[in-house]
Amino acid sequence: MKLIITDVNPFNLSVEGDYKVIKPQGAIHHCVGCFGCWVKTPGKCVIHDGYEGTGIVMGRCTELILVSRCCYGSVSPFVKTVQDRAISYIHPDFVLRKGEMHHKRRYQNTLSLSAHFYGEAITEDEKETARNLIAANADNYDGVVKDVCFYGTKEELERVVL
């Protein structure tokens, strides 16, 4: 299954195969760093606002696709908040990967990570920052980068098939 996390609402992009979309639907609360998703309700956030199961859904997918406005080389505040709330996707214990300390996997799936950024006048520096960010996210998720793409407008995304 593909999991798409996006700030585009309404979401009208074409997607092939089985997928789930997480998009703005009511207020999302920020992660408060309580670690409840690691120790009280493993895999599930303790904040009940409709986004508490994101880590579990990530554990069921093979491809994570971020569709977001490019904000200084990063994802939009909404997409970042969803990612923060999905910290339960990983386990609190640590492992060494590629000579770096990372959290170990909670689930057996291996994520392929893609990002589709839109925004007017995205600079080359912002593109480089975005590519580095997605690579770091893939390392943290113990996954791989599939693709990082840039578009001038949201409308250009409508020609893309995810």
N, C-alpha and C. Protein backbone atom coordinates (compact mmCIF):
# COMPACT_ATOMS: atom_id res chain seq x y z
N MET A 1 0.84 -1.18 0.00
CA MET A 1 0.00 0.00 0.00
C MET A 1 0.89 1.25 0.00
N LYS A 2 0.41 2.28 -0.68
CA LYS A 2 1.07 3.58 -0.67
C LYS A 2 0.39 4.46 0.38
N LEU A 3 1.21 5.16 1.15
CA LEU A 3 0.68 6.15 2.08
C LEU A 3 1.10 7.51 1.57
N ILE A 4 0.12 8.36 1.33
CA ILE A 4 0.39 9.71 0.83
C ILE A 4 0.06 10.70 1.93
N ILE A 5 1.05 11.49 2.31
CA ILE A 5 0.84 12.56 3.29
C ILE A 5 0.96 13.86 2.52
N THR A 6 -0.10 14.67 2.54
CA THR A 6 -0.14 15.86 1.69
C THR A 6 -0.83 17.02 2.37
N ASP A 7 -0.44 18.22 1.94
CA ASP A 7 -1.14 19.43 2.37
C ASP A 7 -2.12 19.88 1.30
N VAL A 8 -2.20 19.14 0.19
CA VAL A 8 -3.10 19.48 -0.91
C VAL A 8 -4.50 19.00 -0.55
N ASN A 9 -5.42 19.95 -0.46
CA ASN A 9 -6.80 19.62 -0.11
C ASN A 9 -7.74 20.57 -0.84
N PRO A 10 -8.56 20.10 -1.76
CA PRO A 10 -8.86 18.69 -2.01
C PRO A 10 -7.73 18.01 -2.78
N PHE A 11 -7.61 16.71 -2.55
CA PHE A 11 -6.57 15.90 -3.18
C PHE A 11 -7.16 15.27 -4.44
N ASN A 12 -6.70 15.70 -5.62
CA ASN A 12 -7.24 15.22 -6.89
C ASN A 12 -6.19 14.54 -7.76
N LEU A 13 -5.09 14.11 -7.18
CA LEU A 13 -4.03 13.51 -7.96
C LEU A 13 -4.36 12.06 -8.28
N SER A 14 -3.83 11.58 -9.40
CA SER A 14 -4.02 10.19 -9.80
C SER A 14 -3.03 9.30 -9.06
N VAL A 15 -3.54 8.17 -8.56
CA VAL A 15 -2.70 7.23 -7.83
C VAL A 15 -2.99 5.83 -8.36
N GLU A 16 -1.92 5.11 -8.65
CA GLU A 16 -2.08 3.72 -9.09
C GLU A 16 -2.00 2.79 -7.90
N GLY A 17 -2.86 1.78 -7.88
CA GLY A 17 -2.80 0.76 -6.84
C GLY A 17 -3.50 1.15 -5.56
N ASP A 18 -3.24 0.36 -4.53
CA ASP A 18 -3.84 0.54 -3.21
C ASP A 18 -3.14 1.68 -2.48
N TYR A 19 -3.93 2.61 -1.92
CA TYR A 19 -3.32 3.75 -1.24
C TYR A 19 -4.25 4.33 -0.18
N LYS A 20 -3.63 5.11 0.71
CA LYS A 20 -4.36 5.87 1.73
C LYS A 20 -3.78 7.28 1.70
N VAL A 21 -4.63 8.27 1.86
CA VAL A 21 -4.20 9.67 1.85
C VAL A 21 -4.45 10.28 3.23
N ILE A 22 -3.43 10.93 3.76
CA ILE A 22 -3.58 11.73 4.98
C ILE A 22 -3.44 13.18 4.54
N LYS A 23 -4.52 13.94 4.72
CA LYS A 23 -4.54 15.35 4.30
C LYS A 23 -5.21 16.15 5.40
N PRO A 24 -5.15 17.47 5.33
CA PRO A 24 -5.78 18.29 6.36
C PRO A 24 -7.28 17.99 6.48
N GLN A 25 -7.69 17.54 7.64
CA GLN A 25 -9.10 17.26 7.94
C GLN A 25 -9.34 17.63 9.40
N GLY A 26 -9.53 18.87 9.66
CA GLY A 26 -9.68 19.30 11.04
C GLY A 26 -8.34 19.61 11.66
N ALA A 27 -8.38 20.05 12.89
CA ALA A 27 -7.16 20.47 13.59
C ALA A 27 -6.27 19.27 13.88
N ILE A 28 -4.97 19.47 13.69
CA ILE A 28 -3.98 18.46 14.07
C ILE A 28 -3.15 19.05 15.21
N HIS A 29 -2.98 18.27 16.25
CA HIS A 29 -2.18 18.72 17.39
C HIS A 29 -0.72 18.36 17.16
N HIS A 30 0.16 19.18 17.64
CA HIS A 30 1.59 18.92 17.52
C HIS A 30 2.01 17.83 18.50
N CYS A 31 3.04 17.07 18.13
CA CYS A 31 3.65 16.11 19.04
C CYS A 31 4.17 16.89 20.25
N VAL A 32 3.91 16.36 21.44
CA VAL A 32 4.36 17.05 22.66
C VAL A 32 5.56 16.34 23.29
N GLY A 33 6.07 15.31 22.62
CA GLY A 33 7.25 14.62 23.12
C GLY A 33 7.02 13.82 24.39
N CYS A 34 5.82 13.32 24.59
CA CYS A 34 5.50 12.61 25.83
C CYS A 34 5.96 11.15 25.81
N PHE A 35 6.30 10.63 24.65
CA PHE A 35 6.73 9.24 24.45
C PHE A 35 5.63 8.23 24.76
N GLY A 36 4.37 8.70 24.87
CA GLY A 36 3.26 7.79 25.10
C GLY A 36 3.12 6.77 23.98
N CYS A 37 3.42 7.19 22.76
CA CYS A 37 3.32 6.28 21.61
C CYS A 37 4.38 5.19 21.66
N TRP A 38 5.40 5.37 22.47
CA TRP A 38 6.44 4.36 22.62
C TRP A 38 6.21 3.47 23.82
N VAL A 39 5.64 4.03 24.91
CA VAL A 39 5.55 3.24 26.15
C VAL A 39 4.13 2.96 26.63
N LYS A 40 3.19 3.87 26.41
CA LYS A 40 1.82 3.66 26.89
C LYS A 40 0.96 2.91 25.87
N THR A 41 1.03 3.33 24.63
CA THR A 41 0.22 2.73 23.56
C THR A 41 1.13 2.46 22.36
N PRO A 42 2.06 1.51 22.47
CA PRO A 42 3.08 1.33 21.43
C PRO A 42 2.52 1.35 20.01
N GLY A 43 3.07 2.27 19.21
CA GLY A 43 2.67 2.41 17.82
C GLY A 43 1.56 3.40 17.57
N LYS A 44 0.89 3.85 18.61
CA LYS A 44 -0.26 4.75 18.43
C LYS A 44 -0.10 5.98 19.33
N CYS A 45 -0.29 7.15 18.75
CA CYS A 45 -0.18 8.40 19.50
C CYS A 45 -1.31 8.49 20.53
N VAL A 46 -1.00 9.06 21.68
CA VAL A 46 -1.99 9.19 22.74
C VAL A 46 -2.90 10.41 22.56
N ILE A 47 -2.58 11.27 21.60
CA ILE A 47 -3.41 12.44 21.32
C ILE A 47 -4.49 12.02 20.31
N HIS A 48 -5.74 12.15 20.69
CA HIS A 48 -6.85 11.71 19.85
C HIS A 48 -7.44 12.88 19.07
N ASP A 49 -6.99 13.02 17.82
CA ASP A 49 -7.50 14.08 16.95
C ASP A 49 -7.72 13.59 15.53
N GLY A 50 -7.69 12.28 15.33
CA GLY A 50 -7.86 11.71 14.00
C GLY A 50 -6.55 11.36 13.31
N TYR A 51 -5.43 11.77 13.86
CA TYR A 51 -4.13 11.49 13.27
C TYR A 51 -3.31 10.52 14.14
N GLU A 52 -3.90 9.97 15.18
CA GLU A 52 -3.16 9.16 16.13
C GLU A 52 -2.67 7.82 15.57
N GLY A 53 -3.27 7.33 14.50
CA GLY A 53 -2.88 6.04 13.93
C GLY A 53 -1.88 6.12 12.79
N THR A 54 -1.29 7.27 12.55
CA THR A 54 -0.40 7.45 11.41
C THR A 54 0.80 6.50 11.46
N GLY A 55 1.40 6.30 12.61
CA GLY A 55 2.54 5.39 12.73
C GLY A 55 2.17 3.96 12.37
N ILE A 56 0.99 3.54 12.79
CA ILE A 56 0.51 2.19 12.47
C ILE A 56 0.29 2.05 10.97
N VAL A 57 -0.33 3.05 10.35
CA VAL A 57 -0.56 3.02 8.90
C VAL A 57 0.77 2.98 8.16
N MET A 58 1.77 3.74 8.64
CA MET A 58 3.09 3.68 8.01
C MET A 58 3.67 2.28 8.10
N GLY A 59 3.38 1.57 9.17
CA GLY A 59 3.87 0.20 9.33
C GLY A 59 3.24 -0.78 8.38
N ARG A 60 2.16 -0.39 7.73
CA ARG A 60 1.47 -1.26 6.77
C ARG A 60 1.77 -0.91 5.32
N CYS A 61 2.52 0.17 5.11
CA CYS A 61 2.75 0.60 3.72
C CYS A 61 4.14 0.21 3.25
N THR A 62 4.30 0.19 1.94
CA THR A 62 5.61 -0.07 1.34
C THR A 62 6.18 1.19 0.71
N GLU A 63 5.30 2.15 0.44
CA GLU A 63 5.76 3.40 -0.15
C GLU A 63 5.14 4.58 0.58
N LEU A 64 5.99 5.50 1.01
CA LEU A 64 5.54 6.74 1.64
C LEU A 64 5.78 7.86 0.65
N ILE A 65 4.72 8.58 0.32
CA ILE A 65 4.82 9.66 -0.66
C ILE A 65 4.40 10.96 0.03
N LEU A 66 5.30 11.92 0.03
CA LEU A 66 5.00 13.24 0.59
C LEU A 66 4.70 14.18 -0.57
N VAL A 67 3.57 14.85 -0.52
CA VAL A 67 3.19 15.85 -1.53
C VAL A 67 2.99 17.13 -0.75
N SER A 68 3.89 18.10 -0.98
CA SER A 68 3.91 19.25 -0.09
C SER A 68 4.42 20.51 -0.78
N ARG A 69 3.94 21.64 -0.28
CA ARG A 69 4.54 22.92 -0.64
C ARG A 69 5.96 22.90 -0.12
N CYS A 70 6.88 23.41 -0.89
CA CYS A 70 8.28 23.50 -0.46
C CYS A 70 8.44 24.74 0.39
N CYS A 71 8.82 24.55 1.64
CA CYS A 71 8.99 25.65 2.58
C CYS A 71 10.46 25.73 2.98
N TYR A 72 11.21 26.57 2.30
CA TYR A 72 12.64 26.75 2.59
C TYR A 72 13.40 25.42 2.52
N GLY A 73 13.03 24.57 1.57
CA GLY A 73 13.71 23.29 1.40
C GLY A 73 13.16 22.18 2.26
N SER A 74 12.05 22.42 2.92
CA SER A 74 11.43 21.42 3.77
C SER A 74 9.97 21.25 3.36
N VAL A 75 9.30 20.35 4.05
CA VAL A 75 7.88 20.15 3.82
C VAL A 75 7.08 21.23 4.54
N SER A 76 5.81 21.32 4.22
CA SER A 76 4.93 22.32 4.84
C SER A 76 4.71 21.99 6.32
N PRO A 77 4.26 22.97 7.09
CA PRO A 77 4.00 22.71 8.52
C PRO A 77 3.04 21.53 8.76
N PHE A 78 2.00 21.40 7.93
CA PHE A 78 1.06 20.28 8.13
C PHE A 78 1.76 18.94 7.93
N VAL A 79 2.48 18.80 6.82
CA VAL A 79 3.15 17.53 6.53
C VAL A 79 4.18 17.21 7.62
N LYS A 80 4.92 18.21 8.07
CA LYS A 80 5.90 18.00 9.14
C LYS A 80 5.22 17.56 10.43
N THR A 81 4.09 18.15 10.74
CA THR A 81 3.37 17.77 11.96
C THR A 81 2.89 16.32 11.88
N VAL A 82 2.41 15.91 10.71
CA VAL A 82 1.99 14.51 10.55
C VAL A 82 3.19 13.59 10.73
N GLN A 83 4.32 13.95 10.12
CA GLN A 83 5.53 13.14 10.29
C GLN A 83 5.94 13.06 11.76
N ASP A 84 5.90 14.18 12.46
CA ASP A 84 6.24 14.18 13.88
C ASP A 84 5.31 13.27 14.68
N ARG A 85 4.03 13.32 14.36
CA ARG A 85 3.05 12.51 15.07
C ARG A 85 3.18 11.02 14.75
N ALA A 86 3.94 10.70 13.70
CA ALA A 86 4.16 9.30 13.31
C ALA A 86 5.46 8.76 13.89
N ILE A 87 6.02 9.41 14.89
CA ILE A 87 7.28 8.96 15.49
C ILE A 87 7.13 7.53 16.01
N SER A 88 5.92 7.11 16.30
CA SER A 88 5.69 5.75 16.79
C SER A 88 6.00 4.70 15.73
N TYR A 89 6.21 5.12 14.48
CA TYR A 89 6.59 4.18 13.42
C TYR A 89 7.91 3.50 13.77
N ILE A 90 8.78 4.22 14.45
CA ILE A 90 10.05 3.65 14.85
C ILE A 90 10.02 3.27 16.32
N HIS A 91 10.95 2.47 16.72
CA HIS A 91 11.05 1.96 18.09
C HIS A 91 11.97 2.87 18.90
N PRO A 92 11.78 2.98 20.21
CA PRO A 92 12.64 3.86 20.99
C PRO A 92 14.08 3.36 21.13
N ASP A 93 14.33 2.07 20.90
CA ASP A 93 15.70 1.55 21.01
C ASP A 93 16.53 2.00 19.81
N PHE A 94 17.85 1.97 19.98
CA PHE A 94 18.76 2.44 18.95
C PHE A 94 19.54 1.31 18.30
N VAL A 95 19.94 1.56 17.05
CA VAL A 95 20.83 0.67 16.30
C VAL A 95 21.81 1.54 15.52
N LEU A 96 22.90 0.93 15.09
CA LEU A 96 23.84 1.62 14.21
C LEU A 96 23.52 1.23 12.78
N ARG A 97 23.35 2.25 11.92
CA ARG A 97 23.14 2.04 10.49
C ARG A 97 24.05 3.01 9.76
N LYS A 98 24.83 2.49 8.85
CA LYS A 98 25.75 3.33 8.07
C LYS A 98 26.65 4.15 9.00
N GLY A 99 27.02 3.57 10.12
CA GLY A 99 27.91 4.24 11.06
C GLY A 99 27.25 5.35 11.87
N GLU A 100 25.92 5.43 11.83
CA GLU A 100 25.18 6.47 12.56
C GLU A 100 24.17 5.81 13.50
N MET A 101 23.88 6.49 14.58
CA MET A 101 22.88 6.02 15.53
C MET A 101 21.49 6.41 15.04
N HIS A 102 20.60 5.41 14.94
CA HIS A 102 19.21 5.63 14.53
C HIS A 102 18.30 4.77 15.40
N HIS A 103 17.03 5.13 15.44
CA HIS A 103 16.06 4.27 16.11
C HIS A 103 15.85 3.04 15.26
N LYS A 104 15.61 1.91 15.92
CA LYS A 104 15.38 0.69 15.15
C LYS A 104 13.93 0.64 14.68
N ARG A 105 13.70 -0.24 13.75
CA ARG A 105 12.35 -0.40 13.19
C ARG A 105 11.41 -1.01 14.22
N ARG A 106 10.16 -0.58 14.17
CA ARG A 106 9.11 -1.23 14.95
C ARG A 106 8.41 -2.27 14.08
N TYR A 107 8.32 -1.98 12.79
CA TYR A 107 7.59 -2.84 11.85
C TYR A 107 8.56 -3.48 10.87
N GLN A 108 8.12 -4.51 10.16
CA GLN A 108 8.99 -5.25 9.25
C GLN A 108 9.04 -4.67 7.84
N ASN A 109 8.16 -3.74 7.52
CA ASN A 109 8.14 -3.18 6.16
C ASN A 109 9.36 -2.31 5.91
N THR A 110 9.75 -2.24 4.65
CA THR A 110 10.81 -1.31 4.23
C THR A 110 10.16 -0.24 3.38
N LEU A 111 10.29 1.00 3.81
CA LEU A 111 9.66 2.11 3.09
C LEU A 111 10.51 2.59 1.93
N SER A 112 9.83 2.83 0.83
CA SER A 112 10.40 3.57 -0.29
C SER A 112 9.80 4.96 -0.15
N LEU A 113 10.63 5.99 -0.14
CA LEU A 113 10.17 7.35 0.14
C LEU A 113 10.29 8.24 -1.08
N SER A 114 9.19 8.88 -1.45
CA SER A 114 9.17 9.85 -2.55
C SER A 114 8.63 11.17 -2.03
N ALA A 115 9.08 12.25 -2.65
CA ALA A 115 8.56 13.56 -2.28
C ALA A 115 8.28 14.35 -3.55
N HIS A 116 7.15 15.01 -3.55
CA HIS A 116 6.74 15.88 -4.66
C HIS A 116 6.50 17.26 -4.06
N PHE A 117 7.43 18.17 -4.32
CA PHE A 117 7.36 19.52 -3.79
C PHE A 117 6.82 20.47 -4.85
N TYR A 118 5.96 21.40 -4.44
CA TYR A 118 5.48 22.43 -5.35
C TYR A 118 5.73 23.80 -4.72
N GLY A 119 5.81 24.79 -5.57
CA GLY A 119 5.99 26.16 -5.09
C GLY A 119 6.67 27.01 -6.14
N GLU A 120 6.28 28.26 -6.19
CA GLU A 120 6.86 29.17 -7.16
C GLU A 120 8.29 29.50 -6.77
N ALA A 121 9.16 29.52 -7.75
CA ALA A 121 10.55 29.97 -7.59
C ALA A 121 11.32 29.22 -6.51
N ILE A 122 11.22 27.88 -6.51
CA ILE A 122 12.02 27.08 -5.59
C ILE A 122 13.47 27.20 -6.06
N THR A 123 14.34 27.64 -5.18
CA THR A 123 15.73 27.86 -5.55
C THR A 123 16.51 26.55 -5.60
N GLU A 124 17.68 26.58 -6.22
CA GLU A 124 18.55 25.40 -6.26
C GLU A 124 18.99 25.01 -4.86
N ASP A 125 19.25 25.99 -4.00
CA ASP A 125 19.62 25.69 -2.61
C ASP A 125 18.48 24.99 -1.88
N GLU A 126 17.25 25.44 -2.10
CA GLU A 126 16.09 24.80 -1.47
C GLU A 126 15.92 23.37 -1.99
N LYS A 127 16.16 23.16 -3.27
CA LYS A 127 16.07 21.81 -3.84
C LYS A 127 17.11 20.89 -3.22
N GLU A 128 18.33 21.39 -3.06
CA GLU A 128 19.38 20.59 -2.44
C GLU A 128 19.03 20.27 -0.99
N THR A 129 18.52 21.25 -0.26
CA THR A 129 18.10 21.03 1.13
C THR A 129 16.99 19.99 1.18
N ALA A 130 16.03 20.09 0.27
CA ALA A 130 14.92 19.14 0.24
C ALA A 130 15.41 17.72 -0.05
N ARG A 131 16.31 17.58 -1.01
CA ARG A 131 16.85 16.25 -1.32
C ARG A 131 17.58 15.66 -0.11
N ASN A 132 18.37 16.50 0.55
CA ASN A 132 19.08 16.04 1.75
C ASN A 132 18.12 15.66 2.87
N LEU A 133 17.06 16.44 3.02
CA LEU A 133 16.05 16.15 4.05
C LEU A 133 15.37 14.81 3.79
N ILE A 134 14.98 14.56 2.56
CA ILE A 134 14.30 13.30 2.22
C ILE A 134 15.26 12.13 2.41
N ALA A 135 16.52 12.32 2.05
CA ALA A 135 17.51 11.25 2.28
C ALA A 135 17.67 10.98 3.77
N ALA A 136 17.69 12.03 4.59
CA ALA A 136 17.79 11.85 6.04
C ALA A 136 16.54 11.18 6.60
N ASN A 137 15.36 11.55 6.07
CA ASN A 137 14.12 10.88 6.50
C ASN A 137 14.18 9.40 6.17
N ALA A 138 14.64 9.06 4.96
CA ALA A 138 14.75 7.66 4.56
C ALA A 138 15.70 6.90 5.50
N ASP A 139 16.83 7.53 5.85
CA ASP A 139 17.75 6.90 6.80
C ASP A 139 17.07 6.67 8.14
N ASN A 140 16.34 7.67 8.62
CA ASN A 140 15.67 7.54 9.91
C ASN A 140 14.58 6.47 9.90
N TYR A 141 13.90 6.31 8.76
CA TYR A 141 12.86 5.29 8.63
C TYR A 141 13.44 3.93 8.24
N ASP A 142 14.76 3.85 8.05
CA ASP A 142 15.44 2.65 7.55
C ASP A 142 14.84 2.24 6.21
N GLY A 143 14.64 3.23 5.36
CA GLY A 143 14.08 3.01 4.04
C GLY A 143 15.01 3.51 2.96
N VAL A 144 14.46 3.69 1.77
CA VAL A 144 15.24 4.15 0.62
C VAL A 144 14.50 5.30 -0.07
N VAL A 145 15.25 6.17 -0.70
CA VAL A 145 14.66 7.26 -1.47
C VAL A 145 14.34 6.74 -2.86
N LYS A 146 13.10 6.94 -3.27
CA LYS A 146 12.69 6.55 -4.62
C LYS A 146 12.81 7.74 -5.56
N ASP A 147 12.29 8.90 -5.14
CA ASP A 147 12.28 10.05 -6.03
C ASP A 147 12.02 11.33 -5.25
N VAL A 148 12.60 12.44 -5.71
CA VAL A 148 12.31 13.77 -5.19
C VAL A 148 12.09 14.66 -6.41
N CYS A 149 10.87 15.21 -6.53
CA CYS A 149 10.49 16.00 -7.70
C CYS A 149 10.02 17.38 -7.28
N PHE A 150 10.14 18.33 -8.21
CA PHE A 150 9.75 19.71 -7.93
C PHE A 150 8.84 20.22 -9.04
N TYR A 151 7.83 21.00 -8.64
CA TYR A 151 6.85 21.55 -9.56
C TYR A 151 6.62 23.02 -9.21
N GLY A 152 6.31 23.82 -10.21
CA GLY A 152 6.09 25.24 -9.99
C GLY A 152 4.78 25.56 -9.29
N THR A 153 3.76 24.73 -9.55
CA THR A 153 2.44 25.00 -8.97
C THR A 153 1.76 23.69 -8.58
N LYS A 154 0.72 23.80 -7.76
CA LYS A 154 -0.09 22.63 -7.42
C LYS A 154 -0.75 22.04 -8.66
N GLU A 155 -1.11 22.91 -9.59
CA GLU A 155 -1.79 22.45 -10.80
C GLU A 155 -0.89 21.52 -11.62
N GLU A 156 0.40 21.74 -11.61
CA GLU A 156 1.32 20.85 -12.33
C GLU A 156 1.29 19.44 -11.76
N LEU A 157 0.99 19.30 -10.49
CA LEU A 157 0.91 18.00 -9.84
C LEU A 157 -0.22 17.15 -10.42
N GLU A 158 -1.25 17.79 -10.96
CA GLU A 158 -2.41 17.06 -11.46
C GLU A 158 -2.05 16.19 -12.66
N ARG A 159 -0.91 16.42 -13.30
CA ARG A 159 -0.47 15.59 -14.43
C ARG A 159 0.37 14.40 -13.96
N VAL A 160 0.68 14.35 -12.68
CA VAL A 160 1.54 13.31 -12.14
C VAL A 160 0.68 12.12 -11.69
N VAL A 161 1.18 10.91 -11.95
CA VAL A 161 0.53 9.71 -11.44
C VAL A 161 1.43 9.15 -10.36
N LEU A 162 0.91 9.05 -9.16
CA LEU A 162 1.69 8.56 -8.03
C LEU A 162 1.62 7.05 -7.94
